PDB file of N, CA and C in Angstrom:
ATOM      1  N   MET A   1     157.303 164.574 125.454  1.00  0.00           N
ATOM      2  CA  MET A   1     155.914 164.893 125.647  1.00  0.00           C
ATOM      3  C   MET A   1     155.753 166.202 126.416  1.00  0.00           C
ATOM      4  N   LEU A   2     156.597 166.416 127.409  1.00  0.00           N
ATOM      5  CA  LEU A   2     156.547 167.639 128.190  1.00  0.00           C
ATOM      6  C   LEU A   2     156.846 168.848 127.310  1.00  0.00           C
ATOM      7  N   LEU A   3     157.799 168.682 126.399  1.00  0.00           N
ATOM      8  CA  LEU A   3     158.152 169.755 125.481  1.00  0.00           C
ATOM      9  C   LEU A   3     156.931 170.165 124.662  1.00  0.00           C
ATOM     10  N   LYS A   4     156.197 169.198 124.148  1.00  0.00           N
ATOM     11  CA  LYS A   4     155.014 169.495 123.340  1.00  0.00           C
ATOM     12  C   LYS A   4     153.952 170.200 124.174  1.00  0.00           C
ATOM     13  N   GLY A   5     153.817 169.806 125.434  1.00  0.00           N
ATOM     14  CA  GLY A   5     152.859 170.463 126.315  1.00  0.00           C
ATOM     15  C   GLY A   5     153.195 171.931 126.528  1.00  0.00           C
ATOM     16  N   TYR A   6     154.475 172.212 126.777  1.00  0.00           N
ATOM     17  CA  TYR A   6     154.901 173.613 126.917  1.00  0.00           C
ATOM     18  C   TYR A   6     154.655 174.377 125.614  1.00  0.00           C
ATOM     19  N   GLN A   7     154.964 173.752 124.492  1.00  0.00           N
ATOM     20  CA  GLN A   7     154.796 174.423 123.206  1.00  0.00           C
ATOM     21  C   GLN A   7     153.322 174.771 122.969  1.00  0.00           C
ATOM     22  N   ILE A   8     152.428 173.851 123.272  1.00  0.00           N
ATOM     23  CA  ILE A   8     150.995 174.108 123.092  1.00  0.00           C
ATOM     24  C   ILE A   8     150.539 175.240 124.002  1.00  0.00           C
ATOM     25  N   CYS A   9     150.991 175.227 125.252  1.00  0.00           N
ATOM     26  CA  CYS A   9     150.622 176.297 126.193  1.00  0.00           C
ATOM     27  C   CYS A   9     151.127 177.656 125.715  1.00  0.00           C
ATOM     28  N   ILE A  10     152.365 177.703 125.234  1.00  0.00           N
ATOM     29  CA  ILE A  10     152.935 178.961 124.750  1.00  0.00           C
ATOM     30  C   ILE A  10     152.179 179.453 123.527  1.00  0.00           C
ATOM     31  N   GLU A  11     151.902 178.556 122.591  1.00  0.00           N
ATOM     32  CA  GLU A  11     151.196 178.957 121.374  1.00  0.00           C
ATOM     33  C   GLU A  11     149.772 179.397 121.665  1.00  0.00           C
ATOM     34  N   ARG A  12     149.132 178.798 122.644  1.00  0.00           N
ATOM     35  CA  ARG A  12     147.762 179.198 123.005  1.00  0.00           C
ATOM     36  C   ARG A  12     147.755 180.549 123.722  1.00  0.00           C
ATOM     37  N   LEU A  13     148.745 180.777 124.559  1.00  0.00           N
ATOM     38  CA  LEU A  13     148.796 182.026 125.313  1.00  0.00           C
ATOM     39  C   LEU A  13     149.238 183.205 124.453  1.00  0.00           C
ATOM     40  N   TYR A  14     150.113 182.941 123.480  1.00  0.00           N
ATOM     41  CA  TYR A  14     150.631 183.994 122.601  1.00  0.00           C
ATOM     42  C   TYR A  14     150.388 183.604 121.141  1.00  0.00           C
ATOM     43  N   PRO A  15     149.135 183.629 120.684  1.00  0.00           N
ATOM     44  CA  PRO A  15     148.845 183.151 119.323  1.00  0.00           C
ATOM     45  C   PRO A  15     149.394 184.046 118.216  1.00  0.00           C
ATOM     46  N   ASP A  16     149.634 185.310 118.499  1.00  0.00           N
ATOM     47  CA  ASP A  16     150.081 186.234 117.459  1.00  0.00           C
ATOM     48  C   ASP A  16     151.597 186.377 117.375  1.00  0.00           C
ATOM     49  N   ILE A  17     152.339 185.736 118.273  1.00  0.00           N
ATOM     50  CA  ILE A  17     153.796 185.873 118.296  1.00  0.00           C
ATOM     51  C   ILE A  17     154.417 184.578 117.782  1.00  0.00           C
ATOM     52  N   PHE A  18     155.195 184.694 116.714  1.00  0.00           N
ATOM     53  CA  PHE A  18     155.857 183.523 116.151  1.00  0.00           C
ATOM     54  C   PHE A  18     157.315 183.436 116.588  1.00  0.00           C
ATOM     55  N   ILE A  19     157.957 184.595 116.735  1.00  0.00           N
ATOM     56  CA  ILE A  19     159.349 184.667 117.181  1.00  0.00           C
ATOM     57  C   ILE A  19     159.385 185.560 118.421  1.00  0.00           C
ATOM     58  N   PHE A  20     159.912 185.016 119.507  1.00  0.00           N
ATOM     59  CA  PHE A  20     159.977 185.739 120.775  1.00  0.00           C
ATOM     60  C   PHE A  20     161.330 186.416 120.919  1.00  0.00           C
ATOM     61  N   ASN A  21     161.311 187.715 121.239  1.00  0.00           N
ATOM     62  CA  ASN A  21     162.572 188.398 121.520  1.00  0.00           C
ATOM     63  C   ASN A  21     162.986 188.088 122.959  1.00  0.00           C
ATOM     64  N   ALA A  22     164.115 188.621 123.385  1.00  0.00           N
ATOM     65  CA  ALA A  22     164.668 188.283 124.698  1.00  0.00           C
ATOM     66  C   ALA A  22     163.711 188.625 125.836  1.00  0.00           C
ATOM     67  N   MET A  23     163.094 189.789 125.777  1.00  0.00           N
ATOM     68  CA  MET A  23     162.194 190.208 126.845  1.00  0.00           C
ATOM     69  C   MET A  23     160.967 189.290 126.906  1.00  0.00           C
ATOM     70  N   GLN A  24     160.418 188.937 125.746  1.00  0.00           N
ATOM     71  CA  GLN A  24     159.263 188.054 125.717  1.00  0.00           C
ATOM     72  C   GLN A  24     159.617 186.650 126.207  1.00  0.00           C
ATOM     73  N   CYS A  25     160.819 186.179 125.874  1.00  0.00           N
ATOM     74  CA  CYS A  25     161.276 184.867 126.341  1.00  0.00           C
ATOM     75  C   CYS A  25     161.335 184.828 127.858  1.00  0.00           C
ATOM     76  N   ARG A  26     161.849 185.885 128.438  1.00  0.00           N
ATOM     77  CA  ARG A  26     161.937 185.941 129.907  1.00  0.00           C
ATOM     78  C   ARG A  26     160.542 185.976 130.537  1.00  0.00           C
ATOM     79  N   GLU A  27     159.620 186.706 129.911  1.00  0.00           N
ATOM     80  CA  GLU A  27     158.250 186.775 130.414  1.00  0.00           C
ATOM     81  C   GLU A  27     157.577 185.400 130.393  1.00  0.00           C
ATOM     82  N   VAL A  28     157.759 184.673 129.292  1.00  0.00           N
ATOM     83  CA  VAL A  28     157.176 183.331 129.173  1.00  0.00           C
ATOM     84  C   VAL A  28     157.801 182.388 130.197  1.00  0.00           C
ATOM     85  N   ALA A  29     159.107 182.455 130.346  1.00  0.00           N
ATOM     86  CA  ALA A  29     159.792 181.576 131.294  1.00  0.00           C
ATOM     87  C   ALA A  29     159.336 181.834 132.724  1.00  0.00           C
ATOM     88  N   LEU A  30     159.161 183.086 133.086  1.00  0.00           N
ATOM     89  CA  LEU A  30     158.680 183.408 134.438  1.00  0.00           C
ATOM     90  C   LEU A  30     157.275 182.878 134.658  1.00  0.00           C
ATOM     91  N   GLN A  31     156.475 182.916 133.621  1.00  0.00           N
ATOM     92  CA  GLN A  31     155.094 182.476 133.755  1.00  0.00           C
ATOM     93  C   GLN A  31     154.971 180.959 133.861  1.00  0.00           C
ATOM     94  N   PHE A  32     155.760 180.219 133.081  1.00  0.00           N
ATOM     95  CA  PHE A  32     155.608 178.771 133.030  1.00  0.00           C
ATOM     96  C   PHE A  32     156.595 178.009 133.906  1.00  0.00           C
ATOM     97  N   ASN A  33     157.834 178.477 133.973  1.00  0.00           N
ATOM     98  CA  ASN A  33     158.849 177.718 134.712  1.00  0.00           C
ATOM     99  C   ASN A  33     159.972 178.664 135.124  1.00  0.00           C
ATOM    100  N   ALA A  34     159.858 179.219 136.307  1.00  0.00           N
ATOM    101  CA  ALA A  34     160.847 180.194 136.775  1.00  0.00           C
ATOM    102  C   ALA A  34     162.232 179.580 136.955  1.00  0.00           C
ATOM    103  N   ARG A  35     162.304 178.269 137.141  1.00  0.00           N
ATOM    104  CA  ARG A  35     163.610 177.619 137.295  1.00  0.00           C
ATOM    105  C   ARG A  35     164.417 177.664 136.002  1.00  0.00           C
ATOM    106  N   ALA A  36     163.769 177.882 134.901  1.00  0.00           N
ATOM    107  CA  ALA A  36     164.464 177.944 133.613  1.00  0.00           C
ATOM    108  C   ALA A  36     165.143 179.295 133.395  1.00  0.00           C
ATOM    109  N   MET A  37     164.918 180.240 134.280  1.00  0.00           N
ATOM    110  CA  MET A  37     165.467 181.581 134.095  1.00  0.00           C
ATOM    111  C   MET A  37     166.987 181.593 134.062  1.00  0.00           C
ATOM    112  N   ASN A  38     167.655 180.777 134.880  1.00  0.00           N
ATOM    113  CA  ASN A  38     169.123 180.773 134.877  1.00  0.00           C
ATOM    114  C   ASN A  38     169.667 180.357 133.522  1.00  0.00           C
ATOM    115  N   GLY A  39     169.173 179.260 132.990  1.00  0.00           N
ATOM    116  CA  GLY A  39     169.624 178.790 131.687  1.00  0.00           C
ATOM    117  C   GLY A  39     169.255 179.748 130.572  1.00  0.00           C
ATOM    118  N   LEU A  40     168.058 180.311 130.656  1.00  0.00           N
ATOM    119  CA  LEU A  40     167.611 181.254 129.635  1.00  0.00           C
ATOM    120  C   LEU A  40     168.435 182.528 129.676  1.00  0.00           C
ATOM    121  N   ASN A  41     168.684 183.058 130.866  1.00  0.00           N
ATOM    122  CA  ASN A  41     169.494 184.272 130.972  1.00  0.00           C
ATOM    123  C   ASN A  41     170.909 184.042 130.454  1.00  0.00           C
ATOM    124  N   LYS A  42     171.456 182.875 130.748  1.00  0.00           N
ATOM    125  CA  LYS A  42     172.798 182.558 130.261  1.00  0.00           C
ATOM    126  C   LYS A  42     172.809 182.522 128.731  1.00  0.00           C
ATOM    127  N   LEU A  43     171.815 181.888 128.140  1.00  0.00           N
ATOM    128  CA  LEU A  43     171.715 181.810 126.685  1.00  0.00           C
ATOM    129  C   LEU A  43     171.526 183.188 126.068  1.00  0.00           C
ATOM    130  N   LEU A  44     170.663 183.990 126.662  1.00  0.00           N
ATOM    131  CA  LEU A  44     170.385 185.318 126.117  1.00  0.00           C
ATOM    132  C   LEU A  44     171.544 186.285 126.346  1.00  0.00           C
ATOM    133  N   ASP A  45     172.288 186.111 127.433  1.00  0.00           N
ATOM    134  CA  ASP A  45     173.448 186.964 127.676  1.00  0.00           C
ATOM    135  C   ASP A  45     174.564 186.675 126.685  1.00  0.00           C
ATOM    136  N   GLU A  46     174.699 185.407 126.280  1.00  0.00           N
ATOM    137  CA  GLU A  46     175.723 185.046 125.303  1.00  0.00           C
ATOM    138  C   GLU A  46     175.392 185.606 123.923  1.00  0.00           C
ATOM    139  N   ASN A  47     174.111 185.623 123.588  1.00  0.00           N
ATOM    140  CA  ASN A  47     173.654 186.121 122.285  1.00  0.00           C
ATOM    141  C   ASN A  47     172.620 187.205 122.522  1.00  0.00           C
ATOM    142  N   GLU A  48     173.048 188.446 122.485  1.00  0.00           N
ATOM    143  CA  GLU A  48     172.157 189.568 122.781  1.00  0.00           C
ATOM    144  C   GLU A  48     170.939 189.599 121.857  1.00  0.00           C
ATOM    145  N   ASP A  49     171.129 189.237 120.598  1.00  0.00           N
ATOM    146  CA  ASP A  49     170.052 189.318 119.623  1.00  0.00           C
ATOM    147  C   ASP A  49     169.323 187.998 119.447  1.00  0.00           C
ATOM    148  N   GLU A  50     169.422 187.107 120.426  1.00  0.00           N
ATOM    149  CA  GLU A  50     168.804 185.782 120.332  1.00  0.00           C
ATOM    150  C   GLU A  50     167.283 185.903 120.332  1.00  0.00           C
ATOM    151  N   CYS A  51     166.684 185.356 119.307  1.00  0.00           N
ATOM    152  CA  CYS A  51     165.236 185.239 119.224  1.00  0.00           C
ATOM    153  C   CYS A  51     164.928 183.764 119.042  1.00  0.00           C
ATOM    154  N   MET A  52     163.813 183.317 119.556  1.00  0.00           N
ATOM    155  CA  MET A  52     163.488 181.903 119.419  1.00  0.00           C
ATOM    156  C   MET A  52     161.999 181.712 119.235  1.00  0.00           C
ATOM    157  N   GLY A  53     161.675 180.649 118.566  1.00  0.00           N
ATOM    158  CA  GLY A  53     160.288 180.282 118.362  1.00  0.00           C
ATOM    159  C   GLY A  53     159.739 179.549 119.573  1.00  0.00           C
ATOM    160  N   ALA A  54     158.470 179.232 119.497  1.00  0.00           N
ATOM    161  CA  ALA A  54     157.808 178.559 120.618  1.00  0.00           C
ATOM    162  C   ALA A  54     158.420 177.190 120.887  1.00  0.00           C
ATOM    163  N   ALA A  55     158.824 176.469 119.836  1.00  0.00           N
ATOM    164  CA  ALA A  55     159.377 175.133 120.017  1.00  0.00           C
ATOM    165  C   ALA A  55     160.712 175.173 120.765  1.00  0.00           C
ATOM    166  N   LYS A  56     161.575 176.109 120.389  1.00  0.00           N
ATOM    167  CA  LYS A  56     162.874 176.210 121.057  1.00  0.00           C
ATOM    168  C   LYS A  56     162.707 176.650 122.508  1.00  0.00           C
ATOM    169  N   LEU A  57     161.827 177.603 122.726  1.00  0.00           N
ATOM    170  CA  LEU A  57     161.556 178.080 124.079  1.00  0.00           C
ATOM    171  C   LEU A  57     160.933 176.966 124.926  1.00  0.00           C
ATOM    172  N   ALA A  58     160.035 176.202 124.338  1.00  0.00           N
ATOM    173  CA  ALA A  58     159.431 175.072 125.054  1.00  0.00           C
ATOM    174  C   ALA A  58     160.482 174.030 125.406  1.00  0.00           C
ATOM    175  N   GLY A  59     161.427 173.788 124.504  1.00  0.00           N
ATOM    176  CA  GLY A  59     162.502 172.840 124.790  1.00  0.00           C
ATOM    177  C   GLY A  59     163.345 173.284 125.961  1.00  0.00           C
ATOM    178  N   LEU A  60     163.622 174.563 126.029  1.00  0.00           N
ATOM    179  CA  LEU A  60     164.401 175.093 127.144  1.00  0.00           C
ATOM    180  C   LEU A  60     163.626 174.966 128.451  1.00  0.00           C
ATOM    181  N   LEU A  61     162.342 175.292 128.428  1.00  0.00           N
ATOM    182  CA  LEU A  61     161.529 175.170 129.636  1.00  0.00           C
ATOM    183  C   LEU A  61     161.413 173.715 130.082  1.00  0.00           C
ATOM    184  N   ALA A  62     161.259 172.809 129.133  1.00  0.00           N
ATOM    185  CA  ALA A  62     161.133 171.389 129.473  1.00  0.00           C
ATOM    186  C   ALA A  62     162.423 170.837 130.064  1.00  0.00           C
ATOM    187  N   SER A  63     163.563 171.333 129.608  1.00  0.00           N
ATOM    188  CA  SER A  63     164.832 170.823 130.121  1.00  0.00           C
ATOM    189  C   SER A  63     165.072 171.232 131.569  1.00  0.00           C
ATOM    190  N   TYR A  64     164.432 172.293 132.013  1.00  0.00           N
ATOM    191  CA  TYR A  64     164.576 172.751 133.399  1.00  0.00           C
ATOM    192  C   TYR A  64     163.323 172.494 134.218  1.00  0.00           C
ATOM    193  N   ASP A  65     162.495 171.563 133.781  1.00  0.00           N
ATOM    194  CA  ASP A  65     161.235 171.327 134.467  1.00  0.00           C
ATOM    195  C   ASP A  65     161.474 170.762 135.867  1.00  0.00           C
ATOM    196  N   PRO A  66     160.862 171.350 136.898  1.00  0.00           N
ATOM    197  CA  PRO A  66     161.068 170.861 138.265  1.00  0.00           C
ATOM    198  C   PRO A  66     160.441 169.493 138.504  1.00  0.00           C
ATOM    199  N   GLU A  67     159.536 169.084 137.642  1.00  0.00           N
ATOM    200  CA  GLU A  67     158.866 167.810 137.815  1.00  0.00           C
ATOM    201  C   GLU A  67     159.438 166.745 136.887  1.00  0.00           C
ATOM    202  N   SER A  68     160.683 166.893 136.478  1.00  0.00           N
ATOM    203  CA  SER A  68     161.266 165.965 135.518  1.00  0.00           C
ATOM    204  C   SER A  68     161.370 164.543 136.064  1.00  0.00           C
ATOM    205  N   LYS A  69     161.298 164.387 137.370  1.00  0.00           N
ATOM    206  CA  LYS A  69     161.379 163.053 137.968  1.00  0.00           C
ATOM    207  C   LYS A  69     160.012 162.421 138.154  1.00  0.00           C
ATOM    208  N   ASN A  70     158.955 163.167 137.839  1.00  0.00           N
ATOM    209  CA  ASN A  70     157.610 162.615 137.950  1.00  0.00           C
ATOM    210  C   ASN A  70     157.318 161.695 136.771  1.00  0.00           C
ATOM    211  N   SER A  71     156.322 160.873 136.934  1.00  0.00           N
ATOM    212  CA  SER A  71     155.955 159.960 135.860  1.00  0.00           C
ATOM    213  C   SER A  71     155.285 160.723 134.722  1.00  0.00           C
ATOM    214  N   LYS A  72     155.199 160.079 133.591  1.00  0.00           N
ATOM    215  CA  LYS A  72     154.592 160.697 132.414  1.00  0.00           C
ATOM    216  C   LYS A  72     153.129 161.053 132.687  1.00  0.00           C
ATOM    217  N   GLU A  73     152.434 160.204 133.404  1.00  0.00           N
ATOM    218  CA  GLU A  73     151.028 160.456 133.705  1.00  0.00           C
ATOM    219  C   GLU A  73     150.859 161.694 134.584  1.00  0.00           C
ATOM    220  N   ASP A  74     151.760 161.873 135.554  1.00  0.00           N
ATOM    221  CA  ASP A  74     151.700 163.060 136.412  1.00  0.00           C
ATOM    222  C   ASP A  74     151.949 164.327 135.614  1.00  0.00           C
ATOM    223  N   LYS A  75     152.919 164.268 134.706  1.00  0.00           N
ATOM    224  CA  LYS A  75     153.221 165.431 133.874  1.00  0.00           C
ATOM    225  C   LYS A  75     152.043 165.780 132.977  1.00  0.00           C
ATOM    226  N   LEU A  76     151.451 164.765 132.359  1.00  0.00           N
ATOM    227  CA  LEU A  76     150.308 165.004 131.477  1.00  0.00           C
ATOM    228  C   LEU A  76     149.121 165.565 132.251  1.00  0.00           C
ATOM    229  N   ALA A  77     148.910 165.090 133.468  1.00  0.00           N
ATOM    230  CA  ALA A  77     147.817 165.602 134.298  1.00  0.00           C
ATOM    231  C   ALA A  77     148.039 167.078 134.629  1.00  0.00           C
ATOM    232  N   ARG A  78     149.290 167.447 134.925  1.00  0.00           N
ATOM    233  CA  ARG A  78     149.585 168.847 135.236  1.00  0.00           C
ATOM    234  C   ARG A  78     149.375 169.729 134.017  1.00  0.00           C
ATOM    235  N   ILE A  79     149.827 169.279 132.858  1.00  0.00           N
ATOM    236  CA  ILE A  79     149.661 170.065 131.631  1.00  0.00           C
ATOM    237  C   ILE A  79     148.182 170.195 131.285  1.00  0.00           C
ATOM    238  N   LYS A  80     147.425 169.101 131.439  1.00  0.00           N
ATOM    239  CA  LYS A  80     145.988 169.145 131.172  1.00  0.00           C
ATOM    240  C   LYS A  80     145.305 170.137 132.103  1.00  0.00           C
ATOM    241  N   GLN A  81     145.719 170.142 133.360  1.00  0.00           N
ATOM    242  CA  GLN A  81     145.149 171.076 134.332  1.00  0.00           C
ATOM    243  C   GLN A  81     145.458 172.518 133.929  1.00  0.00           C
ATOM    244  N   GLU A  82     146.696 172.788 133.484  1.00  0.00           N
ATOM    245  CA  GLU A  82     147.058 174.141 133.069  1.00  0.00           C
ATOM    246  C   GLU A  82     146.258 174.566 131.841  1.00  0.00           C
ATOM    247  N   LEU A  83     146.087 173.664 130.886  1.00  0.00           N
ATOM    248  CA  LEU A  83     145.307 173.992 129.695  1.00  0.00           C
ATOM    249  C   LEU A  83     143.845 174.235 130.049  1.00  0.00           C
ATOM    250  N   ASN A  84     143.283 173.405 130.923  1.00  0.00           N
ATOM    251  CA  ASN A  84     141.888 173.603 131.335  1.00  0.00           C
ATOM    252  C   ASN A  84     141.715 174.932 132.059  1.00  0.00           C
ATOM    253  N   ALA A  85     142.664 175.280 132.907  1.00  0.00           N
ATOM    254  CA  ALA A  85     142.595 176.561 133.617  1.00  0.00           C
ATOM    255  C   ALA A  85     142.669 177.721 132.637  1.00  0.00           C
ATOM    256  N   TYR A  86     143.500 177.566 131.605  1.00  0.00           N
ATOM    257  CA  TYR A  86     143.596 178.627 130.602  1.00  0.00           C
ATOM    258  C   TYR A  86     142.269 178.780 129.858  1.00  0.00           C
ATOM    259  N   TRP A  87     141.681 177.676 129.430  1.00  0.00           N
ATOM    260  CA  TRP A  87     140.450 177.751 128.647  1.00  0.00           C
ATOM    261  C   TRP A  87     139.280 178.238 129.486  1.00  0.00           C
ATOM    262  N   GLU A  88     139.307 178.026 130.784  1.00  0.00           N
ATOM    263  CA  GLU A  88     138.242 178.535 131.644  1.00  0.00           C
ATOM    264  C   GLU A  88     138.278 180.057 131.719  1.00  0.00           C
ATOM    265  N   THR A  89     139.474 180.641 131.649  1.00  0.00           N
ATOM    266  CA  THR A  89     139.598 182.092 131.743  1.00  0.00           C
ATOM    267  C   THR A  89     139.673 182.764 130.379  1.00  0.00           C
ATOM    268  N   TYR A  90     139.742 181.963 129.311  1.00  0.00           N
ATOM    269  CA  TYR A  90     139.892 182.512 127.960  1.00  0.00           C
ATOM    270  C   TYR A  90     138.589 183.145 127.496  1.00  0.00           C
ATOM    271  N   THR A  91     138.670 184.387 127.063  1.00  0.00           N
ATOM    272  CA  THR A  91     137.515 185.059 126.466  1.00  0.00           C
ATOM    273  C   THR A  91     137.965 185.636 125.133  1.00  0.00           C
ATOM    274  N   PRO A  92     137.453 185.117 124.041  1.00  0.00           N
ATOM    275  CA  PRO A  92     137.886 185.600 122.727  1.00  0.00           C
ATOM    276  C   PRO A  92     137.411 187.025 122.494  1.00  0.00           C
ATOM    277  N   SER A  93     138.211 187.785 121.795  1.00  0.00           N
ATOM    278  CA  SER A  93     137.827 189.155 121.466  1.00  0.00           C
ATOM    279  C   SER A  93     137.071 189.125 120.142  1.00  0.00           C
ATOM    280  N   LEU A  94     135.887 189.619 120.185  1.00  0.00           N
ATOM    281  CA  LEU A  94     135.024 189.620 118.992  1.00  0.00           C
ATOM    282  C   LEU A  94     134.921 190.987 118.405  1.00  0.00           C
TER     283      LEU A  94
END
Protein backbone atom coordinates (compact mmCIF):
# COMPACT_ATOMS: atom_id res chain seq x y z
CA MET A 1 0.00 0.00 0.00
CA LEU A 2 2.85 2.37 0.81
CA LEU A 3 4.38 1.66 -2.59
CA LYS A 4 1.15 2.71 -4.32
CA GLY A 5 1.03 5.89 -2.25
CA TYR A 6 4.54 6.86 -3.32
CA GLN A 7 3.71 6.02 -6.93
CA ILE A 8 0.61 8.24 -6.88
CA CYS A 9 2.56 11.11 -5.32
CA ILE A 10 5.35 10.80 -7.90
CA GLU A 11 2.92 10.62 -10.82
CA ARG A 12 0.98 13.64 -9.55
CA LEU A 13 4.11 15.71 -8.98
CA TYR A 14 5.72 14.76 -12.31
CA PRO A 15 2.82 14.10 -14.72
CA ASP A 16 4.89 14.59 -17.88
CA ILE A 17 7.78 12.27 -16.96
CA PHE A 18 7.33 8.56 -17.62
CA ILE A 19 10.96 7.44 -17.29
CA PHE A 20 13.21 9.12 -14.73
CA ASN A 21 16.92 9.47 -15.42
CA ALA A 22 19.49 9.26 -12.62
CA MET A 23 19.39 12.95 -11.75
CA GLN A 24 15.58 13.01 -11.64
CA CYS A 25 15.53 9.86 -9.48
CA ARG A 26 17.80 11.51 -6.95
CA GLU A 27 15.63 14.65 -6.95
CA VAL A 28 12.47 12.61 -6.28
CA ALA A 29 14.16 10.58 -3.55
CA LEU A 30 15.37 13.72 -1.77
CA GLN A 31 11.90 15.18 -1.90
CA PHE A 32 9.97 12.14 -0.65
CA ASN A 33 12.39 9.99 1.34
CA ALA A 34 15.98 11.11 1.88
CA ARG A 35 16.80 7.83 3.64
CA ALA A 36 16.43 6.07 0.30
CA MET A 37 19.39 7.98 -1.12
CA ASN A 38 21.97 5.38 -0.02
CA GLY A 39 20.20 2.52 -1.77
CA LEU A 40 19.39 4.65 -4.79
CA ASN A 41 22.95 5.92 -5.16
CA LYS A 42 24.27 2.38 -4.89
CA LEU A 43 21.86 1.21 -7.60
CA LEU A 44 22.63 4.15 -9.87
CA ASP A 45 26.39 3.84 -9.35
CA GLU A 46 26.27 0.19 -10.42
CA ASN A 47 24.32 1.07 -13.57
CA GLU A 48 25.28 4.49 -14.89
CA ASP A 49 22.51 4.47 -17.50
CA GLU A 50 19.80 3.24 -15.10
CA CYS A 51 16.42 4.78 -15.80
CA MET A 52 13.28 3.81 -13.95
CA GLY A 53 9.60 4.42 -14.05
CA ALA A 54 7.48 5.77 -11.24
CA ALA A 55 6.55 2.28 -10.02
CA LYS A 56 10.15 1.11 -9.66
CA LEU A 57 11.19 4.36 -8.00
CA ALA A 58 8.20 4.15 -5.65
CA GLY A 59 9.19 0.59 -4.73
CA LEU A 60 12.67 1.74 -3.84
CA LEU A 61 11.34 4.62 -1.74
CA ALA A 62 8.87 2.34 0.03
CA SER A 63 11.57 -0.18 0.89
CA TYR A 64 13.53 2.51 2.75
CA ASP A 65 10.54 4.16 4.37
CA PRO A 66 11.39 5.44 7.89
CA GLU A 67 7.85 4.70 9.03
CA SER A 68 7.89 1.04 7.99
CA LYS A 69 7.14 0.01 11.58
CA ASN A 70 4.02 2.16 11.77
CA SER A 71 0.59 0.69 11.31
CA LYS A 72 -1.16 0.73 7.95
CA GLU A 73 -3.58 3.39 9.18
CA ASP A 74 -0.72 5.70 10.20
CA LYS A 75 0.94 5.28 6.81
CA LEU A 76 -2.30 5.97 4.95
CA ALA A 77 -2.94 9.07 7.07
CA ARG A 78 0.54 10.41 6.25
CA ILE A 79 0.10 9.76 2.52
CA LYS A 80 -3.35 11.37 2.58
CA GLN A 81 -1.88 14.40 4.32
CA GLU A 82 0.88 14.68 1.69
CA LEU A 83 -1.63 14.41 -1.15
CA ASN A 84 -3.91 17.01 0.45
CA ALA A 85 -0.97 19.37 0.92
CA TYR A 86 -0.03 18.91 -2.72
CA TRP A 87 -3.55 19.62 -3.97
CA GLU A 88 -3.81 22.73 -1.79
CA THR A 89 -0.75 24.22 -3.50
CA TYR A 90 -1.53 22.84 -6.98
CA THR A 91 -2.39 25.47 -9.56
CA PRO A 92 -3.02 24.14 -13.06
CA SER A 93 -1.48 26.02 -15.95
CA LEU A 94 -4.16 27.18 -18.33
